[in-house]
N, C-alpha and C. Protein backbone atom coordinates (compact mmCIF):
# COMPACT_ATOMS: atom_id res chain seq x y z
N UNK A 1 74.92 104.98 85.36
CA UNK A 1 76.21 104.42 85.73
C UNK A 1 77.29 105.50 85.56
N UNK A 2 78.08 105.70 86.56
CA UNK A 2 79.23 106.60 86.47
C UNK A 2 80.36 105.84 85.78
N UNK A 3 81.14 106.57 84.99
CA UNK A 3 82.26 105.90 84.31
C UNK A 3 83.49 106.80 84.28
N UNK A 4 84.63 106.16 84.05
CA UNK A 4 85.88 106.89 83.88
C UNK A 4 86.52 106.45 82.58
N UNK A 5 87.33 107.34 82.03
CA UNK A 5 88.08 107.06 80.82
C UNK A 5 89.52 107.48 81.05
N UNK A 6 90.46 106.61 80.74
CA UNK A 6 91.87 106.93 80.83
C UNK A 6 92.35 107.38 79.46
N UNK A 7 92.92 108.59 79.42
CA UNK A 7 93.44 109.18 78.18
C UNK A 7 94.96 109.26 78.27
N UNK A 8 95.63 108.89 77.20
CA UNK A 8 97.09 109.00 77.14
C UNK A 8 97.49 109.69 75.85
N UNK A 9 98.60 110.42 75.92
CA UNK A 9 99.09 111.12 74.74
C UNK A 9 99.33 110.13 73.60
N UNK A 10 99.00 110.55 72.40
CA UNK A 10 99.10 109.70 71.22
C UNK A 10 100.28 110.16 70.36
N UNK A 11 101.38 109.43 70.44
CA UNK A 11 102.59 109.80 69.70
C UNK A 11 102.34 109.78 68.20
N UNK A 12 101.44 108.92 67.72
CA UNK A 12 101.16 108.85 66.29
C UNK A 12 100.48 110.12 65.80
N UNK A 13 99.60 110.70 66.61
CA UNK A 13 98.92 111.94 66.22
C UNK A 13 99.86 113.13 66.30
N UNK A 14 100.72 113.13 67.30
CA UNK A 14 101.54 114.31 67.60
C UNK A 14 102.88 114.33 66.89
N UNK A 15 103.45 113.19 66.64
CA UNK A 15 104.82 113.12 66.17
C UNK A 15 105.76 113.07 67.37
N UNK A 16 106.88 112.42 67.20
CA UNK A 16 107.79 112.18 68.32
C UNK A 16 108.33 113.47 68.95
N UNK A 17 108.68 114.46 68.12
CA UNK A 17 109.26 115.70 68.66
C UNK A 17 108.28 116.42 69.58
N UNK A 18 107.04 116.57 69.13
CA UNK A 18 106.03 117.25 69.95
C UNK A 18 105.69 116.42 71.18
N UNK A 19 105.59 115.11 71.00
CA UNK A 19 105.25 114.21 72.10
C UNK A 19 106.28 114.30 73.22
N UNK A 20 107.58 114.35 72.89
CA UNK A 20 108.62 114.38 73.92
C UNK A 20 108.62 115.70 74.70
N UNK A 21 108.04 116.76 74.14
CA UNK A 21 107.94 118.03 74.86
C UNK A 21 106.86 117.99 75.94
N UNK A 22 105.89 117.09 75.78
CA UNK A 22 104.72 117.08 76.66
C UNK A 22 104.64 115.84 77.53
N UNK A 23 104.98 114.68 76.98
CA UNK A 23 104.79 113.42 77.68
C UNK A 23 105.58 113.36 78.98
N UNK A 24 104.93 112.86 80.00
CA UNK A 24 105.54 112.61 81.31
C UNK A 24 106.05 113.88 82.00
N UNK A 25 105.46 115.01 81.65
CA UNK A 25 105.85 116.28 82.27
C UNK A 25 104.83 116.67 83.34
N UNK A 26 105.30 117.18 84.50
CA UNK A 26 104.38 117.64 85.54
C UNK A 26 103.49 118.77 85.03
N UNK A 27 102.33 118.90 85.66
CA UNK A 27 101.37 119.93 85.28
C UNK A 27 101.85 121.31 85.72
N UNK A 28 101.63 122.32 84.87
CA UNK A 28 101.94 123.71 85.20
C UNK A 28 100.67 124.52 84.99
N UNK A 29 100.24 125.25 86.02
CA UNK A 29 99.05 126.10 85.91
C UNK A 29 99.27 127.06 84.76
N UNK A 30 98.28 127.22 83.93
CA UNK A 30 98.40 128.09 82.76
C UNK A 30 98.77 127.33 81.50
N UNK A 31 99.29 126.12 81.66
CA UNK A 31 99.62 125.28 80.52
C UNK A 31 98.32 124.84 79.86
N UNK A 32 98.21 124.98 78.56
CA UNK A 32 97.01 124.59 77.83
C UNK A 32 97.15 123.15 77.33
N UNK A 33 96.10 122.39 77.52
CA UNK A 33 96.09 120.98 77.13
C UNK A 33 95.17 120.81 75.92
N UNK A 34 95.67 120.15 74.92
CA UNK A 34 94.88 119.87 73.72
C UNK A 34 94.44 118.41 73.78
N UNK A 35 93.15 118.19 74.04
CA UNK A 35 92.64 116.83 74.15
C UNK A 35 92.74 116.07 72.83
N UNK A 36 92.90 116.79 71.72
CA UNK A 36 93.09 116.11 70.43
C UNK A 36 94.40 115.34 70.37
N UNK A 37 95.34 115.67 71.27
CA UNK A 37 96.62 114.96 71.33
C UNK A 37 96.53 113.65 72.11
N UNK A 38 95.37 113.38 72.68
CA UNK A 38 95.18 112.20 73.53
C UNK A 38 94.34 111.15 72.82
N UNK A 39 94.51 109.92 73.25
CA UNK A 39 93.66 108.83 72.79
C UNK A 39 93.08 108.10 74.00
N UNK A 40 91.92 107.55 73.80
CA UNK A 40 91.27 106.76 74.85
C UNK A 40 91.95 105.39 74.88
N UNK A 41 92.42 105.00 76.07
CA UNK A 41 93.04 103.68 76.20
C UNK A 41 92.22 102.74 77.08
N UNK A 42 91.28 103.30 77.85
CA UNK A 42 90.43 102.45 78.67
C UNK A 42 89.22 103.22 79.16
N UNK A 43 88.07 102.59 79.16
CA UNK A 43 86.84 103.14 79.73
C UNK A 43 86.17 102.03 80.53
N UNK A 44 85.65 102.40 81.70
CA UNK A 44 85.01 101.40 82.54
C UNK A 44 84.08 102.10 83.53
N UNK A 45 83.28 101.30 84.19
CA UNK A 45 82.40 101.81 85.24
C UNK A 45 83.24 102.30 86.41
N UNK A 46 82.85 103.44 86.95
CA UNK A 46 83.50 103.97 88.16
C UNK A 46 82.64 103.58 89.34
N UNK A 47 83.06 102.55 90.03
CA UNK A 47 82.28 102.03 91.15
C UNK A 47 82.45 102.92 92.38
N UNK A 48 81.42 102.95 93.19
CA UNK A 48 81.44 103.74 94.42
C UNK A 48 82.65 103.35 95.28
N UNK A 49 83.35 104.35 95.77
CA UNK A 49 84.49 104.12 96.66
C UNK A 49 85.82 103.98 95.96
N UNK A 50 85.83 103.84 94.63
CA UNK A 50 87.09 103.72 93.89
C UNK A 50 87.74 105.10 93.81
N UNK A 51 89.01 105.17 94.16
CA UNK A 51 89.75 106.43 94.15
C UNK A 51 90.71 106.47 92.96
N UNK A 52 91.26 107.66 92.71
CA UNK A 52 92.26 107.78 91.65
C UNK A 52 93.49 106.94 91.99
N UNK A 53 93.82 106.86 93.26
CA UNK A 53 94.96 106.02 93.67
C UNK A 53 94.68 104.56 93.34
N UNK A 54 93.43 104.11 93.52
CA UNK A 54 93.06 102.74 93.14
C UNK A 54 93.27 102.54 91.64
N UNK A 55 92.87 103.53 90.84
CA UNK A 55 93.05 103.43 89.40
C UNK A 55 94.54 103.43 89.03
N UNK A 56 95.32 104.23 89.74
CA UNK A 56 96.76 104.28 89.50
C UNK A 56 97.38 102.89 89.72
N UNK A 57 96.99 102.24 90.81
CA UNK A 57 97.49 100.89 91.09
C UNK A 57 97.02 99.92 90.00
N UNK A 58 95.75 100.03 89.62
CA UNK A 58 95.20 99.14 88.59
C UNK A 58 95.99 99.23 87.29
N UNK A 59 96.34 100.44 86.89
CA UNK A 59 97.01 100.62 85.60
C UNK A 59 98.53 100.62 85.71
N UNK A 60 99.06 100.26 86.87
CA UNK A 60 100.51 100.11 87.02
C UNK A 60 100.90 98.71 87.49
N UNK A 61 100.05 98.08 88.26
CA UNK A 61 100.40 96.78 88.85
C UNK A 61 99.52 95.66 88.31
N UNK A 62 98.24 95.95 88.13
CA UNK A 62 97.27 94.91 87.78
C UNK A 62 96.50 95.30 86.53
N UNK A 63 97.24 95.42 85.41
CA UNK A 63 96.59 95.84 84.15
C UNK A 63 95.39 94.94 83.84
N UNK A 64 94.25 95.56 83.50
CA UNK A 64 93.11 94.73 83.12
C UNK A 64 93.37 94.03 81.78
N UNK A 65 92.73 92.90 81.61
CA UNK A 65 92.86 92.16 80.36
C UNK A 65 92.37 93.03 79.20
N UNK A 66 93.16 93.09 78.16
CA UNK A 66 92.80 93.88 76.99
C UNK A 66 93.33 95.31 77.02
N UNK A 67 93.96 95.72 78.11
CA UNK A 67 94.51 97.07 78.22
C UNK A 67 95.72 97.19 77.30
N UNK A 68 95.73 98.21 76.43
CA UNK A 68 96.81 98.36 75.46
C UNK A 68 97.65 99.62 75.66
N UNK A 69 97.35 100.39 76.71
CA UNK A 69 98.13 101.60 76.97
C UNK A 69 99.38 101.28 77.77
N UNK A 70 100.15 102.32 78.07
CA UNK A 70 101.30 102.14 78.95
C UNK A 70 100.83 102.28 80.39
N UNK A 71 101.67 101.93 81.35
CA UNK A 71 101.31 102.12 82.75
C UNK A 71 100.96 103.58 82.99
N UNK A 72 99.95 103.82 83.85
CA UNK A 72 99.53 105.20 84.11
C UNK A 72 100.71 105.99 84.64
N UNK A 73 100.86 107.20 84.10
CA UNK A 73 101.99 108.04 84.47
C UNK A 73 101.64 109.51 84.33
N UNK A 74 102.60 110.34 84.68
CA UNK A 74 102.46 111.79 84.55
C UNK A 74 102.10 112.14 83.11
N UNK A 75 101.15 113.03 82.96
CA UNK A 75 100.59 113.56 81.71
C UNK A 75 99.36 112.79 81.24
N UNK A 76 99.05 111.65 81.86
CA UNK A 76 97.80 110.96 81.54
C UNK A 76 96.64 111.75 82.15
N UNK A 77 95.46 111.57 81.60
CA UNK A 77 94.27 112.27 82.07
C UNK A 77 93.18 111.25 82.36
N UNK A 78 92.48 111.45 83.48
CA UNK A 78 91.30 110.65 83.79
C UNK A 78 90.10 111.56 83.59
N UNK A 79 89.17 111.10 82.76
CA UNK A 79 87.91 111.81 82.55
C UNK A 79 86.83 111.04 83.30
N UNK A 80 86.05 111.75 84.10
CA UNK A 80 84.97 111.13 84.87
C UNK A 80 83.64 111.69 84.38
N UNK A 81 82.70 110.80 84.14
CA UNK A 81 81.35 111.19 83.76
C UNK A 81 80.39 110.66 84.82
N UNK A 82 79.72 111.59 85.50
CA UNK A 82 78.79 111.24 86.57
C UNK A 82 77.38 111.21 86.01
N UNK A 83 77.00 110.09 85.48
CA UNK A 83 75.70 109.97 84.82
C UNK A 83 74.53 109.96 85.77
N UNK A 84 74.80 109.71 87.06
CA UNK A 84 73.71 109.74 88.03
C UNK A 84 73.62 111.09 88.74
N UNK A 85 74.32 112.09 88.20
CA UNK A 85 74.27 113.45 88.76
C UNK A 85 72.87 114.03 88.57
N UNK A 86 72.52 114.97 89.45
CA UNK A 86 71.17 115.54 89.45
C UNK A 86 70.96 116.62 88.40
N UNK A 87 72.00 117.35 88.05
CA UNK A 87 71.83 118.46 87.11
C UNK A 87 72.71 118.26 85.88
N UNK A 88 72.37 118.96 84.82
CA UNK A 88 73.15 118.89 83.59
C UNK A 88 74.58 119.35 83.82
N UNK A 89 74.75 120.38 84.65
CA UNK A 89 76.10 120.89 84.94
C UNK A 89 76.95 119.81 85.61
N UNK A 90 76.35 119.03 86.49
CA UNK A 90 77.09 117.97 87.18
C UNK A 90 77.40 116.81 86.25
N UNK A 91 76.67 116.69 85.14
CA UNK A 91 76.90 115.59 84.20
C UNK A 91 78.00 115.89 83.19
N UNK A 92 78.49 117.11 83.15
CA UNK A 92 79.60 117.43 82.23
C UNK A 92 80.83 116.63 82.67
N UNK A 93 81.63 116.18 81.71
CA UNK A 93 82.83 115.42 82.10
C UNK A 93 83.77 116.25 82.98
N UNK A 94 84.39 115.58 83.91
CA UNK A 94 85.38 116.19 84.79
C UNK A 94 86.73 115.56 84.45
N UNK A 95 87.78 116.38 84.47
CA UNK A 95 89.10 115.91 84.05
C UNK A 95 90.12 116.10 85.17
N UNK A 96 91.01 115.10 85.31
CA UNK A 96 92.12 115.18 86.26
C UNK A 96 93.40 114.77 85.55
N UNK A 97 94.44 115.55 85.78
CA UNK A 97 95.77 115.32 85.20
C UNK A 97 96.58 114.51 86.19
N UNK A 98 97.15 113.41 85.75
CA UNK A 98 98.04 112.62 86.61
C UNK A 98 99.37 113.37 86.70
N UNK A 99 99.65 113.88 87.90
CA UNK A 99 100.85 114.70 88.11
C UNK A 99 101.94 113.87 88.76
N UNK A 100 103.09 114.48 89.02
CA UNK A 100 104.20 113.75 89.62
C UNK A 100 103.84 113.27 91.03
N UNK A 101 102.97 113.99 91.71
CA UNK A 101 102.44 113.54 93.00
C UNK A 101 100.94 113.80 92.97
N UNK A 102 100.15 112.77 92.87
CA UNK A 102 98.70 112.91 92.90
C UNK A 102 98.10 113.35 91.57
N UNK A 103 96.90 113.93 91.67
CA UNK A 103 96.14 114.34 90.50
C UNK A 103 95.70 115.79 90.65
N UNK A 104 95.68 116.52 89.52
CA UNK A 104 95.29 117.92 89.51
C UNK A 104 93.96 118.03 88.77
N UNK A 105 92.96 118.65 89.42
CA UNK A 105 91.67 118.88 88.76
C UNK A 105 91.87 119.94 87.67
N UNK A 106 91.32 119.68 86.51
CA UNK A 106 91.43 120.61 85.39
C UNK A 106 90.10 121.33 85.19
N UNK A 107 90.18 122.57 84.74
CA UNK A 107 88.98 123.35 84.45
C UNK A 107 88.94 123.65 82.95
N UNK A 108 87.85 124.25 82.49
CA UNK A 108 87.72 124.59 81.07
C UNK A 108 88.86 125.48 80.60
N UNK A 109 89.39 126.34 81.47
CA UNK A 109 90.48 127.24 81.10
C UNK A 109 91.79 126.51 80.82
N UNK A 110 91.89 125.24 81.23
CA UNK A 110 93.11 124.48 81.03
C UNK A 110 93.22 123.85 79.64
N UNK A 111 92.15 123.95 78.86
CA UNK A 111 92.13 123.29 77.55
C UNK A 111 92.17 124.29 76.40
N UNK A 112 92.78 123.86 75.30
CA UNK A 112 92.78 124.65 74.06
C UNK A 112 91.44 124.45 73.41
């Protein structure tokens, strides 16, 4: 089963001053992202044909029951795990940054 996880910055881990420097800011190439500053707010099956735009609508207009995060916004990250991938390399998690317009694919170089 393929799945996705929505990650949002955790103000409790970071403190308000650090959080306000990062939260809701557009992505900049070269900017390093520390996943330790994020918390998991939702994980679910990624069904065939579901797009990031579909997820954006889901987490802005039609929040699932039990969802405790804020509406999806800039600086949130979607992690995708393709468990039905053929190779180990394809099974590594893939990350996308919710930007001011669309989503930016992240690579290993984007993380601390």
